[in-house]
Amino acid sequence: MAQEIFDSPDPWVAEHIRRFAETSGTPRPGVNDLLLITRGRRSGKLRRTALAYVRDDGRFVVAASHAGADRHPAWFLNLAADPDVAVQVGTETIRARARIASAQDRPALWQLMITMMPSYREYEKATARVIPVVILDPWP
């Protein structure tokens, strides 16, 4: 029996996940969206959130922006504790290993994120923290 997956408690994100399912993975035309499934670092439950992403050299790149909040999003803390995740793009779900972009790699990847989603620039201005860029490497 498959383990139950719990969607983000944030109403906006939960609605985004619902639209993702209804549209076979294309809730926002012109924006690449994925669903990320992490294991809760305290609960051990599977948690699902929706994120914008860019593809770079066969991997998925996402930003832990939390809309410019001064704290990291829960999904980021979860994958920092357990980097083995699942990624759903369209109707396909794959396994991936998450890693935080190095200080050397982050500037170029952050620029890709800003180009795809200009609002990330405003999120960056709204917080004192450095917004982590996360690389999701698919694996069999």
Protein backbone atom coordinates (compact mmCIF):
# COMPACT_ATOMS: atom_id res chain seq x y z
CA MET A 1 0.00 0.00 0.00
CA ALA A 2 1.36 3.41 -1.00
CA GLN A 3 2.01 5.97 1.71
CA GLU A 4 -0.43 8.90 1.84
CA ILE A 5 0.87 12.23 0.56
CA PHE A 6 -0.11 15.42 2.36
CA ASP A 7 -0.43 18.64 0.37
CA SER A 8 0.92 21.95 1.60
CA PRO A 9 -1.34 23.54 4.25
CA ASP A 10 -0.85 26.92 2.55
CA PRO A 11 -4.17 27.64 0.76
CA TRP A 12 -2.50 29.21 -2.30
CA VAL A 13 -0.14 26.25 -2.72
CA ALA A 14 -2.92 23.71 -2.13
CA GLU A 15 -4.97 25.41 -4.87
CA HIS A 16 -1.93 25.37 -7.16
CA ILE A 17 -1.53 21.61 -6.57
CA ARG A 18 -5.23 21.09 -7.34
CA ARG A 19 -4.90 23.04 -10.62
CA PHE A 20 -1.75 21.08 -11.47
CA ALA A 21 -3.72 17.83 -11.19
CA GLU A 22 -6.68 19.19 -13.18
CA THR A 23 -4.48 20.43 -16.04
CA SER A 24 -2.10 17.43 -16.25
CA GLY A 25 0.74 19.55 -14.95
CA THR A 26 0.22 22.87 -16.72
CA PRO A 27 -1.60 25.12 -14.22
CA ARG A 28 0.09 28.32 -15.45
CA PRO A 29 0.65 28.53 -19.21
CA GLY A 30 4.15 29.76 -19.95
CA VAL A 31 5.53 28.73 -16.54
CA ASN A 32 7.22 25.43 -15.82
CA ASP A 33 5.67 23.99 -12.68
CA LEU A 34 6.46 20.79 -10.83
CA LEU A 35 5.26 19.04 -7.71
CA LEU A 36 7.96 18.21 -5.17
CA ILE A 37 7.41 15.44 -2.64
CA THR A 38 9.64 15.46 0.42
CA ARG A 39 9.60 13.49 3.67
CA GLY A 40 8.70 15.60 6.71
CA ARG A 41 11.78 15.98 8.87
CA ARG A 42 9.76 15.68 12.10
CA SER A 43 6.61 13.79 11.09
CA GLY A 44 8.11 11.36 8.58
CA LYS A 45 5.03 11.96 6.39
CA LEU A 46 5.27 12.60 2.66
CA ARG A 47 4.68 16.29 1.91
CA ARG A 48 3.85 17.82 -1.48
CA THR A 49 4.32 21.37 -2.72
CA ALA A 50 4.18 23.13 -6.09
CA LEU A 51 7.17 25.04 -7.43
CA ALA A 52 8.28 26.83 -10.56
CA TYR A 53 11.41 25.32 -12.09
CA VAL A 54 13.93 25.61 -14.88
CA ARG A 55 15.66 22.72 -16.64
CA ASP A 56 19.42 22.93 -16.73
CA ASP A 57 21.59 20.18 -18.17
CA GLY A 58 18.99 17.45 -17.49
CA ARG A 59 18.27 18.50 -13.93
CA PHE A 60 15.51 20.54 -12.34
CA VAL A 61 16.38 23.80 -10.57
CA VAL A 62 14.07 25.43 -8.00
CA ALA A 63 14.38 28.33 -5.57
CA ALA A 64 13.50 28.20 -1.87
CA SER A 65 12.14 31.75 -2.05
CA HIS A 66 9.17 31.39 0.33
CA ALA A 67 7.89 34.57 -1.39
CA GLY A 68 10.65 36.58 0.26
CA ALA A 69 9.91 35.47 3.84
CA ASP A 70 12.77 35.67 6.34
CA ARG A 71 12.68 31.92 6.94
CA HIS A 72 13.19 28.96 4.67
CA PRO A 73 10.11 27.08 3.43
CA ALA A 74 9.31 23.77 5.16
CA TRP A 75 9.96 21.79 1.97
CA PHE A 76 13.53 23.10 1.91
CA LEU A 77 14.13 22.09 5.52
CA ASN A 78 12.66 18.67 4.73
CA LEU A 79 14.96 18.00 1.78
CA ALA A 80 17.96 19.29 3.72
CA ALA A 81 17.20 16.52 6.24
CA ASP A 82 16.44 13.88 3.58
CA PRO A 83 17.57 14.73 0.02
CA ASP A 84 15.78 11.77 -1.62
CA VAL A 85 12.65 13.29 -3.17
CA ALA A 86 10.08 12.68 -5.89
CA VAL A 87 9.37 15.18 -8.65
CA GLN A 88 6.22 15.24 -10.77
CA VAL A 89 6.46 17.07 -14.08
CA GLY A 90 3.33 16.85 -16.17
CA THR A 91 1.95 13.38 -15.55
CA GLU A 92 5.35 11.75 -14.94
CA THR A 93 6.81 11.23 -11.46
CA ILE A 94 10.51 10.53 -11.06
CA ARG A 95 12.89 10.07 -8.16
CA ALA A 96 15.57 12.69 -7.61
CA ARG A 97 18.27 13.65 -5.18
CA ALA A 98 18.24 17.25 -3.97
CA ARG A 99 21.32 19.35 -3.32
CA ILE A 100 21.84 22.99 -2.57
CA ALA A 101 23.70 24.85 -5.31
CA SER A 102 27.26 25.72 -4.33
CA ALA A 103 28.32 29.34 -3.90
CA GLN A 104 30.13 28.96 -7.24
CA ASP A 105 27.09 27.59 -9.12
CA ARG A 106 24.35 29.67 -7.48
CA PRO A 107 24.78 33.00 -9.36
CA ALA A 108 24.22 31.50 -12.82
CA LEU A 109 21.36 29.30 -11.61
CA TRP A 110 19.76 32.22 -9.73
CA GLN A 111 19.90 34.26 -12.94
CA LEU A 112 18.06 31.44 -14.76
CA MET A 113 15.39 31.53 -12.04
CA ILE A 114 14.99 35.33 -12.27
CA THR A 115 14.76 35.16 -16.07
CA MET A 116 11.99 32.56 -15.79
CA MET A 117 10.19 34.24 -12.87
CA PRO A 118 11.10 37.96 -12.47
CA SER A 119 9.22 38.13 -9.14
CA TYR A 120 12.18 36.30 -7.56
CA ARG A 121 14.12 39.56 -7.78
CA GLU A 122 11.51 41.20 -5.52
CA TYR A 123 11.58 38.22 -3.14
CA GLU A 124 15.35 38.61 -2.89
CA LYS A 125 14.96 42.28 -1.96
CA ALA A 126 12.32 41.45 0.68
CA THR A 127 14.54 39.19 2.79
CA ALA A 128 17.94 39.37 4.47
CA ARG A 129 18.57 35.66 3.86
CA VAL A 130 20.26 34.32 0.76
CA ILE A 131 17.53 32.42 -1.09
CA PRO A 132 18.81 28.90 -1.66
CA VAL A 133 18.81 27.46 -5.15
CA VAL A 134 18.17 23.73 -5.15
CA ILE A 135 19.23 21.27 -7.84
CA LEU A 136 17.10 18.14 -8.25
CA ASP A 137 19.15 15.45 -9.98
CA PRO A 138 16.98 12.65 -11.45
CA TRP A 139 18.09 9.11 -10.66
CA PRO A 140 16.70 5.68 -11.50
